[in-house]
Every structure is written in C-alpha cells, then in structure tokens.
Amino acid sequence: MNASSLRLVLCLAAALGLAACSRGTDLPPASSAASGDQPANFQLVTDIPIPSGATMDTDRSLILSDRDRWTGRVVMRLFNSANEITAFYQQQMPNFGWQPMMSVIAETSVLTYVRGDRAATVQVERRTVYGSVVSVTVAPKQSEGGNASSYGGGYDSAPAPRSAPAGGIRSEQLPPPSSRR
C-alpha cells in the first residue's frame, strides 16, 4: 500500500470516528405523518409520531387501511441513536393519545401502548454502523373476556399458569455426529 492510499484510508477512518462521536442528545422533532414535511408513504399513518429525517423501509412495511384506523407495520431507518429514538417515542406517543403499557429498554428496546381498541408496539434497534431501525406495529388489541365477536375473532382467555413438572429437568446426550444423518 503506497503512502497516498494509506493517507486516504486514515482520513476515512478519522471521518467515520468523528461522525460516530458527534451524536447529539437532542431528540428529533415530532411530526404527525399528516404534515407536509414527510414523504408521501408516511401520510398513510397519522396517529403515530414520525421522527424528522426518518425514511420508510417499504420492503418491510405493511400498512392496511390508512390514517387513524390503519393496521400493520411501519419500519423506519434513522440516523439518530437508538437511545434518542427510544426517548423520542416515550415522550411523543402519549401526545398522540397512546397510553404506555410496558417498556423494555435494552439493546433492542420494546415499548407497548394502547389507544382505544388498538395496541401499538414500538421496537427500536441499533444499526450496525450508525443510527437505528424502528418498527411500529399497530393492530386491534385482544379482547379482555375472550369474546370472539369483539373485533373479528378475539382470543380465548389465557390458561392458568402451571407448575414445572416434578423431577426437575432431564438431560440426555446426543448421539455422535456421524449417526445424526
């Protein structure tokens, strides 16, 4: 490798390093998908916050119906960190009428909300190089009493918890690899 190639590689590495260190702590501005500053594909959903700068992954997204009665999944790519986007959704979902039900903040964060007869799950993952991927899934929530007529086929109530089988856990050795075929 000659000196000019080495210099180019070092400059690119330094630029990537600086970009990784320059993550701000400001949350992206919230906007309704109905506003004109979002791409047309985000205008199909108006009842969840869409961070500024989000791009929709149309191959992984599925929106049935539109506006405030849609069902499906919206997958977005952002240049903000996963922590910033998790904080954004924790702050903005209640502003859109969604009540928080559960949250797990981890390498992949999962936030669950309800609004009326619908439930939303927001999943935030770190991207490999920089930014995050957000998947918002919205669907009718389960009926509470197992009433099948509540929204096109509810679910039976959850079975009662069972205790573990007596005798603990049993383990057996696997056969040698040559005999598994």
N, C-alpha and C. Protein backbone atom coordinates (compact mmCIF):
# COMPACT_ATOMS: atom_id res chain seq x y z
N MET A 1 0.86 -1.16 0.00
CA MET A 1 0.00 0.00 0.00
C MET A 1 0.91 1.23 0.00
N ASN A 2 0.72 2.15 -0.94
CA ASN A 2 1.57 3.33 -1.01
C ASN A 2 1.10 4.38 -0.01
N ALA A 3 1.86 5.43 0.13
CA ALA A 3 1.61 6.46 1.15
C ALA A 3 0.30 7.20 0.92
N SER A 4 -0.06 7.49 -0.35
CA SER A 4 -1.30 8.22 -0.60
C SER A 4 -2.53 7.35 -0.30
N SER A 5 -2.46 6.06 -0.57
CA SER A 5 -3.57 5.16 -0.24
C SER A 5 -3.73 5.04 1.27
N LEU A 6 -2.61 4.95 1.97
CA LEU A 6 -2.65 4.88 3.43
C LEU A 6 -3.25 6.14 4.02
N ARG A 7 -2.87 7.29 3.47
CA ARG A 7 -3.42 8.57 3.94
C ARG A 7 -4.93 8.63 3.72
N LEU A 8 -5.40 8.16 2.58
CA LEU A 8 -6.84 8.16 2.27
C LEU A 8 -7.60 7.26 3.25
N VAL A 9 -7.06 6.09 3.52
CA VAL A 9 -7.70 5.17 4.46
C VAL A 9 -7.75 5.79 5.85
N LEU A 10 -6.67 6.42 6.29
CA LEU A 10 -6.64 7.06 7.61
C LEU A 10 -7.63 8.22 7.69
N CYS A 11 -7.74 9.00 6.62
CA CYS A 11 -8.71 10.11 6.61
C CYS A 11 -10.14 9.60 6.69
N LEU A 12 -10.45 8.54 5.95
CA LEU A 12 -11.79 7.96 6.02
C LEU A 12 -12.09 7.40 7.40
N ALA A 13 -11.11 6.73 8.00
CA ALA A 13 -11.30 6.18 9.35
C ALA A 13 -11.52 7.31 10.34
N ALA A 14 -10.77 8.39 10.22
CA ALA A 14 -10.94 9.53 11.13
C ALA A 14 -12.32 10.17 10.95
N ALA A 15 -12.77 10.30 9.70
CA ALA A 15 -14.09 10.89 9.44
C ALA A 15 -15.19 10.03 10.04
N LEU A 16 -15.09 8.71 9.88
CA LEU A 16 -16.08 7.82 10.48
C LEU A 16 -16.05 7.91 12.00
N GLY A 17 -14.86 7.99 12.56
CA GLY A 17 -14.74 8.11 14.02
C GLY A 17 -15.37 9.39 14.53
N LEU A 18 -15.13 10.49 13.84
CA LEU A 18 -15.73 11.77 14.25
C LEU A 18 -17.25 11.72 14.11
N ALA A 19 -17.73 11.12 13.05
CA ALA A 19 -19.18 11.02 12.86
C ALA A 19 -19.81 10.21 13.97
N ALA A 20 -19.15 9.15 14.40
CA ALA A 20 -19.69 8.31 15.47
C ALA A 20 -19.69 9.04 16.80
N CYS A 21 -18.71 9.93 17.01
CA CYS A 21 -18.63 10.66 18.28
C CYS A 21 -19.53 11.86 18.33
N SER A 22 -20.06 12.31 17.20
CA SER A 22 -20.82 13.55 17.17
C SER A 22 -22.30 13.35 17.39
N ARG A 23 -22.72 12.24 17.97
CA ARG A 23 -24.14 12.01 18.23
C ARG A 23 -24.63 13.03 19.24
N GLY A 24 -25.65 13.74 18.86
CA GLY A 24 -26.23 14.72 19.76
C GLY A 24 -27.22 14.07 20.70
N THR A 25 -27.62 14.83 21.72
CA THR A 25 -28.60 14.30 22.65
C THR A 25 -29.97 14.90 22.40
N ASP A 26 -30.08 15.77 21.41
CA ASP A 26 -31.38 16.37 21.11
C ASP A 26 -32.27 15.34 20.44
N LEU A 27 -33.53 15.33 20.85
CA LEU A 27 -34.49 14.43 20.23
C LEU A 27 -34.90 15.01 18.88
N PRO A 28 -35.18 14.14 17.92
CA PRO A 28 -35.67 14.67 16.64
C PRO A 28 -37.03 15.30 16.84
N PRO A 29 -37.37 16.33 16.06
CA PRO A 29 -38.68 16.94 16.22
C PRO A 29 -39.79 15.96 15.88
N ALA A 30 -40.87 16.04 16.63
CA ALA A 30 -42.02 15.17 16.36
C ALA A 30 -42.86 15.80 15.27
N SER A 31 -43.41 14.95 14.46
CA SER A 31 -44.34 15.45 13.46
C SER A 31 -45.37 14.38 13.20
N SER A 32 -46.56 14.81 12.92
CA SER A 32 -47.59 13.87 12.51
C SER A 32 -47.32 13.54 11.06
N ALA A 33 -47.60 12.33 10.69
CA ALA A 33 -47.39 11.94 9.30
C ALA A 33 -48.30 12.72 8.36
N ALA A 34 -49.31 13.37 8.89
CA ALA A 34 -50.22 14.13 8.04
C ALA A 34 -49.61 15.45 7.58
N SER A 35 -48.56 15.90 8.26
CA SER A 35 -47.98 17.18 7.88
C SER A 35 -47.23 17.03 6.57
N GLY A 36 -47.03 18.13 5.89
CA GLY A 36 -46.46 18.10 4.56
C GLY A 36 -44.97 17.85 4.53
N ASP A 37 -44.27 17.80 5.69
CA ASP A 37 -42.83 17.64 5.67
C ASP A 37 -42.40 16.18 5.64
N GLN A 38 -43.31 15.24 5.56
CA GLN A 38 -42.99 13.82 5.49
C GLN A 38 -43.22 13.31 4.07
N PRO A 39 -42.47 12.29 3.68
CA PRO A 39 -42.71 11.68 2.36
C PRO A 39 -44.13 11.14 2.27
N ALA A 40 -44.61 10.96 1.05
CA ALA A 40 -45.99 10.55 0.82
C ALA A 40 -46.33 9.23 1.51
N ASN A 41 -45.40 8.28 1.58
CA ASN A 41 -45.73 7.00 2.20
C ASN A 41 -46.00 7.11 3.69
N PHE A 42 -45.47 8.12 4.37
CA PHE A 42 -45.78 8.34 5.79
C PHE A 42 -47.14 8.99 5.97
N GLN A 43 -47.71 9.56 4.92
CA GLN A 43 -49.01 10.22 5.04
C GLN A 43 -50.14 9.21 5.18
N LEU A 44 -49.84 7.91 5.05
CA LEU A 44 -50.86 6.89 5.25
C LEU A 44 -51.17 6.66 6.73
N VAL A 45 -50.28 7.09 7.61
CA VAL A 45 -50.49 6.93 9.05
C VAL A 45 -50.38 8.29 9.72
N THR A 46 -51.43 8.66 10.44
CA THR A 46 -51.43 9.99 11.08
C THR A 46 -51.50 9.92 12.59
N ASP A 47 -51.57 8.73 13.16
CA ASP A 47 -51.79 8.63 14.60
C ASP A 47 -50.56 8.18 15.38
N ILE A 48 -49.40 8.17 14.76
CA ILE A 48 -48.15 7.90 15.47
C ILE A 48 -47.15 8.99 15.11
N PRO A 49 -46.24 9.29 16.02
CA PRO A 49 -45.22 10.29 15.69
C PRO A 49 -44.18 9.70 14.73
N ILE A 50 -43.77 10.50 13.77
CA ILE A 50 -42.73 10.11 12.83
C ILE A 50 -41.56 11.08 13.05
N PRO A 51 -40.40 10.57 13.48
CA PRO A 51 -39.26 11.47 13.71
C PRO A 51 -38.82 12.14 12.41
N SER A 52 -38.40 13.36 12.53
CA SER A 52 -37.88 14.09 11.38
C SER A 52 -36.65 13.37 10.85
N GLY A 53 -36.57 13.24 9.54
CA GLY A 53 -35.43 12.58 8.92
C GLY A 53 -35.61 11.08 8.74
N ALA A 54 -36.75 10.53 9.18
CA ALA A 54 -36.98 9.09 9.02
C ALA A 54 -37.24 8.74 7.57
N THR A 55 -36.74 7.59 7.16
CA THR A 55 -37.05 7.06 5.83
C THR A 55 -37.73 5.72 6.02
N MET A 56 -38.80 5.48 5.27
CA MET A 56 -39.55 4.24 5.41
C MET A 56 -38.88 3.12 4.61
N ASP A 57 -38.76 1.97 5.24
CA ASP A 57 -38.31 0.77 4.55
C ASP A 57 -39.56 0.13 3.95
N THR A 58 -39.84 0.43 2.70
CA THR A 58 -41.09 -0.02 2.07
C THR A 58 -41.12 -1.53 1.86
N ASP A 59 -39.97 -2.18 1.78
CA ASP A 59 -39.94 -3.64 1.63
C ASP A 59 -40.40 -4.34 2.90
N ARG A 60 -40.16 -3.74 4.06
CA ARG A 60 -40.51 -4.38 5.34
C ARG A 60 -41.77 -3.79 5.97
N SER A 61 -42.34 -2.76 5.38
CA SER A 61 -43.54 -2.12 5.93
C SER A 61 -44.79 -2.66 5.27
N LEU A 62 -45.87 -2.72 6.03
CA LEU A 62 -47.16 -3.15 5.51
C LEU A 62 -48.24 -2.33 6.20
N ILE A 63 -48.94 -1.50 5.44
CA ILE A 63 -49.98 -0.63 6.00
C ILE A 63 -51.30 -1.01 5.36
N LEU A 64 -52.24 -1.46 6.19
CA LEU A 64 -53.58 -1.80 5.72
C LEU A 64 -54.52 -0.71 6.19
N SER A 65 -55.32 -0.14 5.28
CA SER A 65 -56.21 0.99 5.54
C SER A 65 -55.35 2.25 5.60
N ASP A 66 -55.79 3.26 6.31
CA ASP A 66 -54.99 4.48 6.38
C ASP A 66 -55.41 5.37 7.53
N ARG A 67 -54.65 6.42 7.70
CA ARG A 67 -54.88 7.45 8.71
C ARG A 67 -54.93 6.89 10.13
N ASP A 68 -56.02 7.15 10.86
CA ASP A 68 -56.12 6.74 12.27
C ASP A 68 -56.68 5.34 12.47
N ARG A 69 -56.94 4.59 11.43
CA ARG A 69 -57.50 3.25 11.58
C ARG A 69 -56.66 2.20 10.87
N TRP A 70 -55.41 2.44 10.69
CA TRP A 70 -54.56 1.50 9.97
C TRP A 70 -54.13 0.36 10.88
N THR A 71 -53.77 -0.73 10.26
CA THR A 71 -53.22 -1.89 10.94
C THR A 71 -52.00 -2.31 10.15
N GLY A 72 -50.97 -2.77 10.82
CA GLY A 72 -49.79 -3.24 10.11
C GLY A 72 -48.51 -2.83 10.79
N ARG A 73 -47.47 -2.66 9.96
CA ARG A 73 -46.14 -2.36 10.48
C ARG A 73 -45.49 -1.29 9.62
N VAL A 74 -44.89 -0.31 10.28
CA VAL A 74 -44.11 0.72 9.61
C VAL A 74 -42.67 0.57 10.09
N VAL A 75 -41.75 0.35 9.17
CA VAL A 75 -40.33 0.21 9.51
C VAL A 75 -39.60 1.43 8.98
N MET A 76 -38.83 2.07 9.87
CA MET A 76 -38.13 3.30 9.52
C MET A 76 -36.64 3.18 9.83
N ARG A 77 -35.85 3.86 9.06
CA ARG A 77 -34.42 3.97 9.31
C ARG A 77 -34.13 5.43 9.68
N LEU A 78 -33.30 5.59 10.73
CA LEU A 78 -32.96 6.93 11.21
C LEU A 78 -31.47 7.04 11.47
N PHE A 79 -30.95 8.27 11.45
CA PHE A 79 -29.56 8.49 11.77
C PHE A 79 -29.37 8.82 13.24
N ASN A 80 -30.44 8.93 14.02
CA ASN A 80 -30.35 9.17 15.45
C ASN A 80 -30.01 7.86 16.15
N SER A 81 -29.42 7.97 17.34
CA SER A 81 -29.08 6.76 18.10
C SER A 81 -30.35 6.07 18.60
N ALA A 82 -30.24 4.80 18.91
CA ALA A 82 -31.37 4.04 19.43
C ALA A 82 -31.87 4.63 20.74
N ASN A 83 -30.97 5.13 21.58
CA ASN A 83 -31.38 5.75 22.84
C ASN A 83 -32.21 7.01 22.61
N GLU A 84 -31.79 7.82 21.64
CA GLU A 84 -32.54 9.04 21.32
C GLU A 84 -33.93 8.70 20.79
N ILE A 85 -34.02 7.69 19.93
CA ILE A 85 -35.31 7.34 19.34
C ILE A 85 -36.22 6.70 20.38
N THR A 86 -35.66 5.90 21.28
CA THR A 86 -36.47 5.32 22.36
C THR A 86 -37.05 6.44 23.22
N ALA A 87 -36.23 7.41 23.59
CA ALA A 87 -36.70 8.55 24.39
C ALA A 87 -37.75 9.35 23.61
N PHE A 88 -37.55 9.51 22.31
CA PHE A 88 -38.50 10.23 21.46
C PHE A 88 -39.88 9.57 21.54
N TYR A 89 -39.94 8.25 21.35
CA TYR A 89 -41.24 7.57 21.37
C TYR A 89 -41.85 7.56 22.77
N GLN A 90 -41.03 7.44 23.81
CA GLN A 90 -41.57 7.51 25.18
C GLN A 90 -42.21 8.87 25.43
N GLN A 91 -41.64 9.89 24.86
CA GLN A 91 -42.16 11.25 25.05
C GLN A 91 -43.34 11.56 24.14
N GLN A 92 -43.30 11.12 22.89
CA GLN A 92 -44.28 11.55 21.91
C GLN A 92 -45.53 10.67 21.78
N MET A 93 -45.44 9.38 22.04
CA MET A 93 -46.63 8.53 21.89
C MET A 93 -47.79 9.03 22.75
N PRO A 94 -47.59 9.41 24.02
CA PRO A 94 -48.72 9.95 24.80
C PRO A 94 -49.31 11.22 24.18
N ASN A 95 -48.50 12.02 23.48
CA ASN A 95 -49.01 13.22 22.81
C ASN A 95 -49.96 12.88 21.67
N PHE A 96 -49.89 11.66 21.16
CA PHE A 96 -50.76 11.19 20.09
C PHE A 96 -51.90 10.34 20.65
N GLY A 97 -52.08 10.36 21.98
CA GLY A 97 -53.19 9.65 22.61
C GLY A 97 -52.90 8.21 23.00
N TRP A 98 -51.67 7.74 22.86
CA TRP A 98 -51.31 6.37 23.20
C TRP A 98 -50.90 6.31 24.68
N GLN A 99 -51.46 5.35 25.41
CA GLN A 99 -51.14 5.16 26.82
C GLN A 99 -50.08 4.07 26.95
N PRO A 100 -48.99 4.35 27.68
CA PRO A 100 -47.94 3.33 27.83
C PRO A 100 -48.43 2.15 28.66
N MET A 101 -48.08 0.94 28.23
CA MET A 101 -48.45 -0.28 28.95
C MET A 101 -47.21 -1.00 29.49
N MET A 102 -46.15 -1.03 28.71
CA MET A 102 -44.96 -1.76 29.09
C MET A 102 -43.78 -1.24 28.31
N SER A 103 -42.60 -1.34 28.91
CA SER A 103 -41.40 -0.99 28.16
C SER A 103 -40.23 -1.83 28.64
N VAL A 104 -39.41 -2.22 27.70
CA VAL A 104 -38.16 -2.92 27.97
C VAL A 104 -37.08 -2.13 27.25
N ILE A 105 -36.18 -1.54 28.02
CA ILE A 105 -35.11 -0.74 27.44
C ILE A 105 -33.84 -1.59 27.49
N ALA A 106 -33.35 -1.95 26.31
CA ALA A 106 -32.18 -2.82 26.21
C ALA A 106 -31.52 -2.57 24.86
N GLU A 107 -30.67 -3.49 24.42
CA GLU A 107 -30.03 -3.33 23.12
C GLU A 107 -31.09 -3.20 22.03
N THR A 108 -32.15 -3.99 22.14
CA THR A 108 -33.35 -3.81 21.33
C THR A 108 -34.45 -3.43 22.30
N SER A 109 -34.93 -2.20 22.22
CA SER A 109 -35.96 -1.72 23.14
C SER A 109 -37.34 -1.98 22.56
N VAL A 110 -38.29 -2.33 23.44
CA VAL A 110 -39.66 -2.60 23.03
C VAL A 110 -40.58 -1.79 23.93
N LEU A 111 -41.43 -0.97 23.32
CA LEU A 111 -42.39 -0.14 24.03
C LEU A 111 -43.78 -0.55 23.56
N THR A 112 -44.72 -0.72 24.49
CA THR A 112 -46.08 -1.12 24.12
C THR A 112 -47.06 -0.07 24.62
N TYR A 113 -48.02 0.28 23.76
CA TYR A 113 -49.01 1.30 24.06
C TYR A 113 -50.40 0.81 23.65
N VAL A 114 -51.44 1.42 24.25
CA VAL A 114 -52.82 1.17 23.82
C VAL A 114 -53.51 2.50 23.61
N ARG A 115 -54.46 2.48 22.69
CA ARG A 115 -55.30 3.65 22.42
C ARG A 115 -56.63 3.11 21.92
N GLY A 116 -57.67 3.26 22.74
CA GLY A 116 -58.97 2.74 22.36
C GLY A 116 -58.92 1.24 22.22
N ASP A 117 -59.33 0.74 21.07
CA ASP A 117 -59.36 -0.71 20.83
C ASP A 117 -58.14 -1.19 20.04
N ARG A 118 -57.06 -0.40 20.07
CA ARG A 118 -55.86 -0.75 19.31
C ARG A 118 -54.63 -0.76 20.22
N ALA A 119 -53.66 -1.55 19.84
CA ALA A 119 -52.39 -1.63 20.56
C ALA A 119 -51.26 -1.34 19.59
N ALA A 120 -50.20 -0.74 20.11
CA ALA A 120 -49.03 -0.43 19.29
C ALA A 120 -47.77 -0.91 20.00
N THR A 121 -46.87 -1.50 19.23
CA THR A 121 -45.57 -1.91 19.75
C THR A 121 -44.51 -1.19 18.95
N VAL A 122 -43.62 -0.51 19.66
CA VAL A 122 -42.51 0.20 19.04
C VAL A 122 -41.24 -0.56 19.39
N GLN A 123 -40.53 -1.02 18.37
CA GLN A 123 -39.28 -1.75 18.58
C GLN A 123 -38.15 -0.91 17.99
N VAL A 124 -37.15 -0.62 18.81
CA VAL A 124 -36.03 0.23 18.39
C VAL A 124 -34.74 -0.60 18.49
N GLU A 125 -34.02 -0.70 17.36
CA GLU A 125 -32.77 -1.45 17.30
C GLU A 125 -31.65 -0.56 16.82
N ARG A 126 -30.45 -0.82 17.32
CA ARG A 126 -29.27 -0.12 16.84
C ARG A 126 -28.91 -0.66 15.46
N ARG A 127 -28.51 0.24 14.57
CA ARG A 127 -27.98 -0.20 13.28
C ARG A 127 -26.52 -0.56 13.46
N THR A 128 -25.98 -1.34 12.55
CA THR A 128 -24.61 -1.82 12.67
C THR A 128 -23.60 -0.68 12.69
N VAL A 129 -23.74 0.28 11.80
CA VAL A 129 -22.75 1.34 11.72
C VAL A 129 -23.20 2.57 12.48
N TYR A 130 -24.33 3.13 12.14
CA TYR A 130 -24.76 4.37 12.77
C TYR A 130 -26.26 4.51 12.62
N GLY A 131 -26.93 4.96 13.67
CA GLY A 131 -28.36 5.20 13.62
C GLY A 131 -29.16 4.06 14.20
N SER A 132 -30.42 3.99 13.80
CA SER A 132 -31.31 2.99 14.36
C SER A 132 -32.39 2.60 13.35
N VAL A 133 -33.01 1.47 13.64
CA VAL A 133 -34.15 0.99 12.86
C VAL A 133 -35.33 0.90 13.82
N VAL A 134 -36.46 1.47 13.43
CA VAL A 134 -37.66 1.48 14.27
C VAL A 134 -38.76 0.73 13.53
N SER A 135 -39.42 -0.15 14.25
CA SER A 135 -40.56 -0.88 13.71
C SER A 135 -41.76 -0.59 14.62
N VAL A 136 -42.80 0.03 14.05
CA VAL A 136 -44.03 0.32 14.81
C VAL A 136 -45.11 -0.59 14.24
N THR A 137 -45.64 -1.47 15.11
CA THR A 137 -46.70 -2.39 14.71
C THR A 137 -47.97 -1.98 15.43
N VAL A 138 -49.05 -1.81 14.69
CA VAL A 138 -50.34 -1.42 15.26
C VAL A 138 -51.38 -2.43 14.81
N ALA A 139 -52.20 -2.89 15.77
CA ALA A 139 -53.24 -3.88 15.46
C ALA A 139 -54.35 -3.75 16.50
N PRO A 140 -55.51 -4.34 16.22
CA PRO A 140 -56.57 -4.36 17.23
C PRO A 140 -56.07 -5.11 18.46
N LYS A 141 -56.37 -4.59 19.64
CA LYS A 141 -55.90 -5.29 20.83
C LYS A 141 -56.81 -6.47 21.14
N GLN A 142 -56.29 -7.42 21.87
CA GLN A 142 -57.04 -8.60 22.25
C GLN A 142 -58.25 -8.21 23.08
N SER A 143 -59.34 -8.96 22.91
CA SER A 143 -60.49 -8.73 23.76
C SER A 143 -60.16 -9.24 25.15
N GLU A 144 -60.71 -8.58 26.16
CA GLU A 144 -60.37 -8.95 27.53
C GLU A 144 -61.10 -10.17 28.02
N GLY A 145 -62.28 -10.45 27.52
CA GLY A 145 -63.02 -11.58 28.03
C GLY A 145 -63.04 -12.76 27.09
N GLY A 146 -62.25 -12.73 26.03
CA GLY A 146 -62.26 -13.82 25.07
C GLY A 146 -63.49 -13.80 24.19
N ASN A 147 -64.15 -12.64 24.08
CA ASN A 147 -65.35 -12.50 23.27
C ASN A 147 -64.95 -12.47 21.81
N ALA A 148 -65.28 -13.51 21.07
CA ALA A 148 -64.86 -13.64 19.68
C ALA A 148 -65.48 -12.59 18.77
N SER A 149 -66.55 -11.97 19.18
CA SER A 149 -67.21 -11.00 18.31
C SER A 149 -66.68 -9.59 18.48
N SER A 150 -65.73 -9.37 19.38
CA SER A 150 -65.30 -8.01 19.69
C SER A 150 -64.56 -7.33 18.54
N TYR A 151 -63.74 -8.03 17.79
CA TYR A 151 -63.05 -7.39 16.67
C TYR A 151 -62.60 -8.45 15.69
N GLY A 152 -63.52 -9.19 15.15
CA GLY A 152 -63.19 -10.15 14.12
C GLY A 152 -62.48 -11.39 14.62
N GLY A 153 -62.77 -11.87 15.80
CA GLY A 153 -62.17 -13.11 16.27
C GLY A 153 -61.20 -12.91 17.40
N GLY A 154 -61.70 -12.64 18.59
CA GLY A 154 -60.85 -12.43 19.75
C GLY A 154 -60.14 -13.70 20.15
N TYR A 155 -59.45 -13.64 21.25
CA TYR A 155 -58.68 -14.75 21.73
C TYR A 155 -59.32 -15.30 23.00
N ASP A 156 -59.11 -16.58 23.24
CA ASP A 156 -59.57 -17.14 24.50
C ASP A 156 -58.73 -16.55 25.61
N SER A 157 -59.31 -16.55 26.81
CA SER A 157 -58.54 -16.03 27.93
C SER A 157 -57.33 -16.93 28.16
N ALA A 158 -56.31 -16.37 28.77
CA ALA A 158 -55.07 -17.11 28.97
C ALA A 158 -55.29 -18.27 29.92
N PRO A 159 -54.66 -19.41 29.65
CA PRO A 159 -54.80 -20.54 30.55
C PRO A 159 -54.12 -20.24 31.88
N ALA A 160 -54.58 -20.92 32.91
CA ALA A 160 -53.98 -20.74 34.24
C ALA A 160 -52.54 -21.22 34.20
N PRO A 161 -51.64 -20.54 34.92
CA PRO A 161 -50.24 -20.96 34.95
C PRO A 161 -50.11 -22.35 35.55
N ARG A 162 -49.18 -23.14 35.02
CA ARG A 162 -48.93 -24.48 35.54
C ARG A 162 -47.54 -24.52 36.16
N SER A 163 -47.40 -25.36 37.16
CA SER A 163 -46.08 -25.50 37.77
C SER A 163 -45.21 -26.40 36.90
N ALA A 164 -43.92 -26.33 37.12
CA ALA A 164 -42.97 -27.16 36.37
C ALA A 164 -43.19 -28.63 36.71
N PRO A 165 -42.89 -29.52 35.79
CA PRO A 165 -43.07 -30.94 36.09
C PRO A 165 -42.20 -31.38 37.26
N ALA A 166 -42.70 -32.34 38.02
CA ALA A 166 -41.94 -32.86 39.16
C ALA A 166 -40.70 -33.58 38.63
N GLY A 167 -39.65 -33.55 39.40
CA GLY A 167 -38.44 -34.26 38.99
C GLY A 167 -37.42 -33.36 38.31
N GLY A 168 -37.73 -32.11 38.13
CA GLY A 168 -36.76 -31.18 37.56
C GLY A 168 -36.55 -31.38 36.07
N ILE A 169 -35.37 -31.04 35.62
CA ILE A 169 -35.03 -31.07 34.20
C ILE A 169 -34.25 -32.34 33.89
N ARG A 170 -34.59 -32.99 32.80
CA ARG A 170 -33.92 -34.21 32.38
C ARG A 170 -33.03 -33.88 31.19
N SER A 171 -31.84 -34.44 31.17
CA SER A 171 -30.96 -34.22 30.03
C SER A 171 -30.47 -35.55 29.51
N GLU A 172 -30.26 -35.61 28.21
CA GLU A 172 -29.74 -36.81 27.55
C GLU A 172 -28.66 -36.39 26.59
N GLN A 173 -27.67 -37.23 26.44
CA GLN A 173 -26.60 -36.94 25.49
C GLN A 173 -27.10 -37.16 24.07
N LEU A 174 -26.63 -36.33 23.17
CA LEU A 174 -26.93 -36.50 21.75
C LEU A 174 -26.07 -37.62 21.19
N PRO A 175 -26.55 -38.31 20.15
CA PRO A 175 -25.70 -39.33 19.52
C PRO A 175 -24.51 -38.66 18.83
N PRO A 176 -23.46 -39.40 18.56
CA PRO A 176 -22.30 -38.81 17.89
C PRO A 176 -22.71 -38.22 16.54
N PRO A 177 -21.98 -37.21 16.07
CA PRO A 177 -22.34 -36.52 14.83
C PRO A 177 -22.49 -37.44 13.62
N SER A 178 -21.73 -38.49 13.52
CA SER A 178 -21.80 -39.36 12.33
C SER A 178 -23.12 -40.11 12.23
N SER A 179 -23.81 -40.32 13.34
CA SER A 179 -25.07 -41.08 13.29
C SER A 179 -26.30 -40.19 13.20
N ARG A 180 -26.15 -38.86 13.11
CA ARG A 180 -27.29 -37.94 13.05
C ARG A 180 -27.85 -37.78 11.65
N ARG A 181 -27.26 -38.31 10.67
CA ARG A 181 -27.70 -38.09 9.28
C ARG A 181 -28.85 -38.92 9.02
